[in-house]
Amino acid sequence: MPPIVGITHSHRKAGKFFTDEALAALAEHAELRFLGNAKEPGFHQQLSDVDILIGSWGMPQLNADFLAAAPQLRAVCYAAGTVKGFVTDASYARGIVVTTAMHANAIPVAEVSVALILLANKRWFVCQDAMRRDGEMGRQSCYGDGHPGNYRSTVGLIGYGAIGRATHALLQAYDLQVLIYDPYANADEIAAQGAEAVELVELARRSDVVSLHAPNIPATRHMMNREVFAAMRDGATFINTARGALVDEDALVAELRTGRIYAMLDVTDPEPPAPDHPFWTLPNCWLTPHRAGSSGREVQRMGAYAVEDCLRILRGEAPRYPVTQDMLATMA
């Protein structure tokens, strides 16, 4: 009897994450069962003979009730980023393998980050706003000397996990100097990749653009504080495509109000900011609605990564992107 792979979506919704080709590849090795939404009645009754779960956002928590209903479950292949919302000590104690597609999700975040970095050094949005506000005078103001451009400018990356590494890899196509701060990363490895490992305040002091890619863990809460923002050079840009909780937003607002720096924020804490929050109206701050991560067809890349690991497990091979319990402490 073939193993059973439970898909934590309806057949219709599964198509958002998994192409027909991906599902066909799974069907060659297992019986597929579309379980629907975990909150729907009867979901748990379908789990008794499921060997592997695969799905994306909305993965049910692997709590005691769930595990009791799924005695044969041996792996969960997650077609999205962080697994912290559903893994439990009990699931790891039972030896259930967990995989992630965070490396797939890192790709669009890195692409957006690089786009913002390049546009920041060209003062793109500053000029756009000036032309909309002041017409020809605004256009002329964009030709001053205050635009660093991208040749030999310095970019500081905070965090060298999946997204930080993907961002650095894309930046290597440009004539940029890259600084990296990550207390968990190896300085020699960073140097071998053509970047320089530095402390956080030094990175802020030397960079034309500071791009945040650290995980949201207790140790990183408000790591971007008054000292760091005060160290940023005049005219520098702060980009956050990570999480808002990493930023002391009062400190950022205070520095933005001086007019010295710019900010491009895809994430805030909370999301969205309160209606009266200064982020909405500060002229040197641009907000986007947490859009850097996978969207549109990009979510099918996450599905492909999850399917690949599911197939590897079905063939008795080690998955490419496992998440062990020890890894959780330093992961988003």
Protein backbone atom coordinates (compact mmCIF):
# COMPACT_ATOMS: atom_id res chain seq x y z
CA MET A 1 0.00 0.00 0.00
CA PRO A 2 1.53 3.37 -0.98
CA PRO A 3 2.28 5.96 1.71
CA ILE A 4 -0.28 8.71 2.15
CA VAL A 5 0.64 12.37 1.75
CA GLY A 6 -1.91 14.68 3.31
CA ILE A 7 -2.19 18.12 1.70
CA THR A 8 -3.45 20.70 4.19
CA HIS A 9 -5.58 22.50 1.62
CA SER A 10 -8.59 21.78 -0.53
CA HIS A 11 -7.85 20.56 -4.06
CA ARG A 12 -8.73 24.00 -5.40
CA LYS A 13 -6.59 25.97 -2.95
CA ALA A 14 -3.66 23.57 -3.30
CA GLY A 15 -3.25 24.80 -6.87
CA LYS A 16 -2.12 28.16 -5.51
CA PHE A 17 0.96 26.53 -4.02
CA PHE A 18 1.54 23.38 -6.07
CA THR A 19 1.60 23.11 -9.84
CA ASP A 20 -0.08 20.19 -11.60
CA GLU A 21 3.39 18.87 -12.41
CA ALA A 22 4.44 18.98 -8.75
CA LEU A 23 1.31 17.15 -7.62
CA ALA A 24 1.77 14.56 -10.39
CA ALA A 25 5.33 13.94 -9.22
CA LEU A 26 4.07 13.30 -5.69
CA ALA A 27 1.30 11.04 -6.98
CA GLU A 28 3.91 8.75 -8.56
CA HIS A 29 5.21 7.91 -5.09
CA ALA A 30 2.23 8.30 -2.78
CA GLU A 31 -1.52 8.53 -2.46
CA LEU A 32 -2.54 12.17 -2.21
CA ARG A 33 -5.27 13.21 0.20
CA PHE A 34 -6.60 16.76 0.14
CA LEU A 35 -7.45 17.42 3.77
CA GLY A 36 -8.93 20.89 3.46
CA ASN A 37 -8.73 23.55 6.15
CA ALA A 38 -7.52 22.39 9.55
CA LYS A 39 -10.29 24.39 11.23
CA GLU A 40 -13.05 22.54 9.40
CA PRO A 41 -15.02 19.74 11.10
CA GLY A 42 -13.70 16.30 10.35
CA PHE A 43 -10.13 17.38 9.59
CA HIS A 44 -8.56 15.29 12.37
CA GLN A 45 -10.55 12.22 11.37
CA GLN A 46 -8.59 12.08 8.10
CA LEU A 47 -5.17 11.85 9.75
CA SER A 48 -5.01 8.32 11.14
CA ASP A 49 -3.04 6.83 8.24
CA VAL A 50 -1.25 9.94 6.92
CA ASP A 51 2.53 9.53 6.64
CA ILE A 52 3.58 13.01 5.50
CA LEU A 53 1.88 16.39 5.63
CA ILE A 54 2.57 19.03 3.02
CA GLY A 55 1.07 22.48 2.85
CA SER A 56 1.66 26.19 3.21
CA TRP A 57 0.19 28.99 5.32
CA GLY A 58 -2.37 27.70 7.81
CA MET A 59 -0.47 24.55 8.75
CA PRO A 60 -2.14 23.17 11.92
CA GLN A 61 -0.19 23.16 15.16
CA LEU A 62 1.34 19.79 15.97
CA ASN A 63 -0.12 19.72 19.47
CA ALA A 64 -1.08 16.69 21.55
CA ASP A 65 -4.54 16.33 20.00
CA PHE A 66 -3.15 16.55 16.49
CA LEU A 67 -0.38 14.05 17.15
CA ALA A 68 -2.80 11.62 18.74
CA ALA A 69 -4.95 11.79 15.61
CA ALA A 70 -1.93 11.19 13.34
CA PRO A 71 -0.05 8.21 14.80
CA GLN A 72 1.76 7.41 11.52
CA LEU A 73 2.93 10.96 10.78
CA ARG A 74 6.67 11.05 10.18
CA ALA A 75 7.31 14.31 8.33
CA VAL A 76 5.87 17.76 7.65
CA CYS A 77 7.02 19.60 4.52
CA TYR A 78 6.15 23.27 4.83
CA ALA A 79 5.74 25.33 1.67
CA ALA A 80 6.48 28.64 3.38
CA GLY A 81 9.02 30.24 5.72
CA THR A 82 9.00 30.06 9.50
CA VAL A 83 7.83 26.82 11.09
CA LYS A 84 7.56 28.27 14.59
CA GLY A 85 3.80 28.64 14.34
CA PHE A 86 3.14 24.90 14.23
CA VAL A 87 6.10 22.83 15.49
CA THR A 88 6.07 21.76 19.13
CA ASP A 89 8.38 20.05 21.59
CA ALA A 90 6.08 17.05 21.34
CA SER A 91 6.44 16.81 17.57
CA TYR A 92 10.21 16.87 17.81
CA ALA A 93 10.16 14.36 20.69
CA ARG A 94 8.27 11.98 18.44
CA GLY A 95 10.95 12.30 15.77
CA ILE A 96 8.79 14.00 13.15
CA VAL A 97 10.97 15.54 10.44
CA VAL A 98 10.14 19.16 9.57
CA THR A 99 11.27 20.95 6.42
CA THR A 100 10.90 24.54 5.29
CA ALA A 101 10.74 26.47 2.03
CA MET A 102 12.30 29.56 3.61
CA HIS A 103 15.13 29.45 1.08
CA ALA A 104 12.55 29.77 -1.70
CA ASN A 105 10.86 32.65 0.11
CA ALA A 106 14.26 34.30 0.56
CA ILE A 107 14.57 34.80 -3.20
CA PRO A 108 11.81 37.41 -3.72
CA VAL A 109 12.72 39.16 -0.45
CA ALA A 110 16.31 39.44 -1.66
CA GLU A 111 15.17 40.65 -5.08
CA VAL A 112 13.02 43.38 -3.53
CA SER A 113 15.80 44.33 -1.12
CA VAL A 114 18.32 44.74 -3.94
CA ALA A 115 15.84 46.78 -5.97
CA LEU A 116 15.28 49.10 -3.00
CA ILE A 117 19.03 49.37 -2.36
CA LEU A 118 19.73 50.39 -5.95
CA LEU A 119 16.83 52.85 -6.02
CA ALA A 120 17.82 54.31 -2.65
CA ASN A 121 21.30 55.15 -3.90
CA LYS A 122 19.71 56.90 -6.88
CA ARG A 123 17.31 58.82 -4.56
CA TRP A 124 14.56 57.48 -6.83
CA PHE A 125 11.60 58.02 -4.54
CA VAL A 126 12.94 61.36 -3.31
CA CYS A 127 12.98 62.57 -6.91
CA GLN A 128 9.58 61.08 -7.66
CA ASP A 129 8.05 62.93 -4.71
CA ALA A 130 9.86 66.16 -5.60
CA MET A 131 8.56 66.11 -9.17
CA ARG A 132 5.01 65.34 -8.05
CA ARG A 133 5.15 68.13 -5.49
CA ASP A 134 7.19 70.82 -7.26
CA GLY A 135 7.04 70.00 -10.97
CA GLU A 136 9.98 71.39 -12.94
CA MET A 137 11.67 72.80 -9.84
CA GLY A 138 11.46 69.36 -8.27
CA ARG A 139 12.94 67.81 -11.39
CA GLN A 140 15.88 70.21 -11.33
CA SER A 141 16.49 69.48 -7.65
CA CYS A 142 17.21 65.86 -8.54
CA TYR A 143 20.41 66.78 -10.36
CA GLY A 144 22.30 67.98 -7.29
CA ASP A 145 25.31 66.34 -5.68
CA GLY A 146 23.38 64.59 -2.90
CA HIS A 147 22.74 61.40 -4.86
CA PRO A 148 25.45 58.81 -4.19
CA GLY A 149 24.66 56.48 -7.09
CA ASN A 150 25.64 52.83 -7.00
CA TYR A 151 29.26 52.85 -8.12
CA ARG A 152 31.46 52.00 -5.12
CA SER A 153 28.72 52.83 -2.66
CA THR A 154 28.62 50.85 0.59
CA VAL A 155 25.75 48.57 1.52
CA GLY A 156 25.40 47.18 5.03
CA LEU A 157 23.50 43.91 5.46
CA ILE A 158 22.33 43.06 8.97
CA GLY A 159 21.83 39.31 9.24
CA TYR A 160 23.47 36.61 7.13
CA GLY A 161 20.88 33.89 7.11
CA ALA A 162 18.96 32.72 4.06
CA ILE A 163 17.74 36.18 3.05
CA GLY A 164 20.94 38.01 3.89
CA ARG A 165 22.97 35.52 1.87
CA ALA A 166 20.58 35.67 -1.07
CA THR A 167 20.70 39.46 -1.02
CA HIS A 168 24.50 39.44 -0.91
CA ALA A 169 24.66 37.01 -3.82
CA LEU A 170 22.55 39.33 -5.99
CA LEU A 171 24.55 42.40 -4.95
CA GLN A 172 27.74 40.81 -6.27
CA ALA A 173 26.63 41.77 -9.78
CA TYR A 174 27.19 45.44 -8.89
CA ASP A 175 30.20 47.62 -8.07
CA LEU A 176 29.30 47.90 -4.40
CA GLN A 177 31.18 47.37 -1.16
CA VAL A 178 29.23 45.11 1.20
CA LEU A 179 29.50 45.10 4.98
CA ILE A 180 27.82 42.39 7.05
CA TYR A 181 26.86 42.22 10.70
CA ASP A 182 25.81 38.85 12.08
CA PRO A 183 27.15 37.59 15.43
CA TYR A 184 26.42 33.99 14.39
CA ALA A 185 28.23 34.15 11.03
CA ASN A 186 31.85 33.26 10.33
CA ALA A 187 33.99 36.28 9.43
CA ASP A 188 36.32 34.21 7.24
CA GLU A 189 33.37 32.84 5.27
CA ILE A 190 32.04 36.37 4.79
CA ALA A 191 35.47 37.55 3.60
CA ALA A 192 35.67 34.63 1.17
CA GLN A 193 32.40 35.87 -0.35
CA GLY A 194 33.88 39.31 -0.94
CA ALA A 195 32.30 41.16 1.98
CA GLU A 196 33.59 42.50 5.29
CA ALA A 197 32.28 41.44 8.70
CA VAL A 198 31.88 44.39 11.07
CA GLU A 199 30.07 45.33 14.26
CA LEU A 200 26.60 46.85 14.03
CA VAL A 201 27.40 50.47 14.85
CA GLU A 202 30.38 50.46 12.49
CA LEU A 203 28.15 49.10 9.73
CA ALA A 204 25.67 51.92 10.33
CA ARG A 205 28.43 54.51 10.34
CA ARG A 206 30.03 53.38 7.05
CA SER A 207 27.00 52.43 4.92
CA ASP A 208 25.09 54.41 2.32
CA VAL A 209 22.26 51.90 2.70
CA VAL A 210 21.53 49.73 5.74
CA SER A 211 19.33 46.71 4.91
CA LEU A 212 17.89 44.61 7.74
CA HIS A 213 17.64 40.81 7.36
CA ALA A 214 17.99 39.48 10.91
CA PRO A 215 15.53 36.96 12.41
CA ASN A 216 12.82 38.03 14.83
CA ILE A 217 14.03 36.40 18.04
CA PRO A 218 14.31 37.80 21.59
CA ALA A 219 17.97 38.73 21.11
CA THR A 220 17.19 40.95 18.11
CA ARG A 221 14.20 42.88 19.48
CA HIS A 222 14.87 46.62 19.02
CA MET A 223 18.41 45.91 17.85
CA MET A 224 17.98 48.94 15.60
CA ASN A 225 18.06 51.51 18.39
CA ARG A 226 18.98 55.16 18.94
CA GLU A 227 22.70 54.44 18.94
CA VAL A 228 22.53 52.65 15.60
CA PHE A 229 20.33 55.23 13.88
CA ALA A 230 22.43 58.10 15.24
CA ALA A 231 25.53 56.44 13.78
CA MET A 232 24.11 56.37 10.24
CA ARG A 233 25.75 58.85 7.91
CA ASP A 234 23.82 61.85 6.63
CA GLY A 235 21.75 60.92 3.59
CA ALA A 236 21.84 57.17 4.29
CA THR A 237 18.79 54.94 3.84
CA PHE A 238 17.46 52.30 6.22
CA ILE A 239 15.54 49.41 4.61
CA ASN A 240 13.51 46.89 6.60
CA THR A 241 12.16 43.81 4.84
CA ALA A 242 12.62 41.67 7.98
CA ARG A 243 10.27 42.34 10.91
CA GLY A 244 9.12 45.51 12.62
CA ALA A 245 9.90 44.21 16.11
CA LEU A 246 13.63 44.48 15.36
CA VAL A 247 13.31 48.27 15.25
CA ASP A 248 12.89 50.76 18.08
CA GLU A 249 10.38 52.74 16.06
CA ASP A 250 10.45 55.74 18.40
CA ALA A 251 14.20 55.98 17.83
CA LEU A 252 13.73 55.70 14.07
CA VAL A 253 11.03 58.38 14.05
CA ALA A 254 13.26 60.70 16.06
CA GLU A 255 16.10 60.29 13.58
CA LEU A 256 13.81 60.67 10.56
CA ARG A 257 12.49 63.92 11.98
CA THR A 258 15.98 65.39 11.81
CA GLY A 259 15.82 64.92 8.03
CA ARG A 260 19.26 63.28 8.04
CA ILE A 261 18.26 59.82 6.85
CA TYR A 262 15.62 57.99 4.82
CA ALA A 263 13.64 54.83 5.56
CA MET A 264 11.94 52.25 3.34
CA LEU A 265 9.77 50.02 5.52
CA ASP A 266 8.00 46.93 4.22
CA VAL A 267 7.28 45.84 7.80
CA THR A 268 6.35 47.65 11.02
CA ASP A 269 5.29 46.72 14.55
CA PRO A 270 2.32 46.45 14.52
CA GLU A 271 1.22 46.04 10.92
CA PRO A 272 -0.09 48.38 9.73
CA PRO A 273 1.06 51.29 11.89
CA ALA A 274 -1.59 53.12 13.90
CA PRO A 275 -3.51 55.67 11.78
CA ASP A 276 -1.78 58.58 13.54
CA HIS A 277 1.72 57.09 13.40
CA PRO A 278 4.39 59.45 11.99
CA PHE A 279 5.48 56.82 9.46
CA TRP A 280 2.44 57.71 7.36
CA THR A 281 3.35 61.36 6.96
CA LEU A 282 7.12 61.73 7.30
CA PRO A 283 8.36 62.84 3.86
CA ASN A 284 11.55 60.77 4.12
CA CYS A 285 9.76 57.51 4.97
CA TRP A 286 8.13 55.14 2.46
CA LEU A 287 5.80 52.33 3.53
CA THR A 288 4.79 49.17 1.69
CA PRO A 289 2.36 46.54 3.04
CA HIS A 290 4.67 43.57 3.81
CA ARG A 291 4.98 42.62 0.13
CA ALA A 292 8.62 41.57 -0.20
CA GLY A 293 7.89 37.91 0.46
CA SER A 294 6.45 35.41 -1.99
CA SER A 295 3.32 36.45 -3.87
CA GLY A 296 1.61 35.52 -7.11
CA ARG A 297 3.45 32.74 -8.93
CA GLU A 298 6.33 33.03 -6.47
CA VAL A 299 4.40 30.94 -3.94
CA GLN A 300 4.68 28.00 -6.33
CA ARG A 301 8.44 28.13 -5.92
CA MET A 302 7.89 27.51 -2.21
CA GLY A 303 5.60 24.65 -3.17
CA ALA A 304 8.28 23.20 -5.43
CA TYR A 305 10.85 23.26 -2.62
CA ALA A 306 8.42 21.50 -0.27
CA VAL A 307 7.57 18.88 -2.89
CA GLU A 308 11.25 18.23 -3.54
CA ASP A 309 11.87 17.51 0.14
CA CYS A 310 8.72 15.40 0.36
CA LEU A 311 9.93 13.30 -2.57
CA ARG A 312 13.34 12.89 -0.98
CA ILE A 313 11.75 11.63 2.22
CA LEU A 314 9.52 9.24 0.29
CA ARG A 315 12.62 7.84 -1.44
CA GLY A 316 14.38 7.36 1.88
CA GLU A 317 16.78 10.27 1.31
CA ALA A 318 17.63 13.14 3.65
CA PRO A 319 15.69 16.36 2.97
CA ARG A 320 17.56 19.41 1.70
CA TYR A 321 15.97 21.92 4.05
CA PRO A 322 15.28 20.31 7.44
CA VAL A 323 14.56 22.38 10.54
CA THR A 324 15.90 20.74 13.68
CA GLN A 325 14.83 21.79 17.15
CA ASP A 326 18.28 23.24 17.85
CA MET A 327 17.97 25.53 14.83
CA LEU A 328 14.85 27.29 16.13
CA ALA A 329 16.70 29.52 18.59
CA THR A 330 18.40 31.54 15.85
CA MET A 331 15.77 31.27 13.11
CA ALA A 332 12.94 33.59 12.19
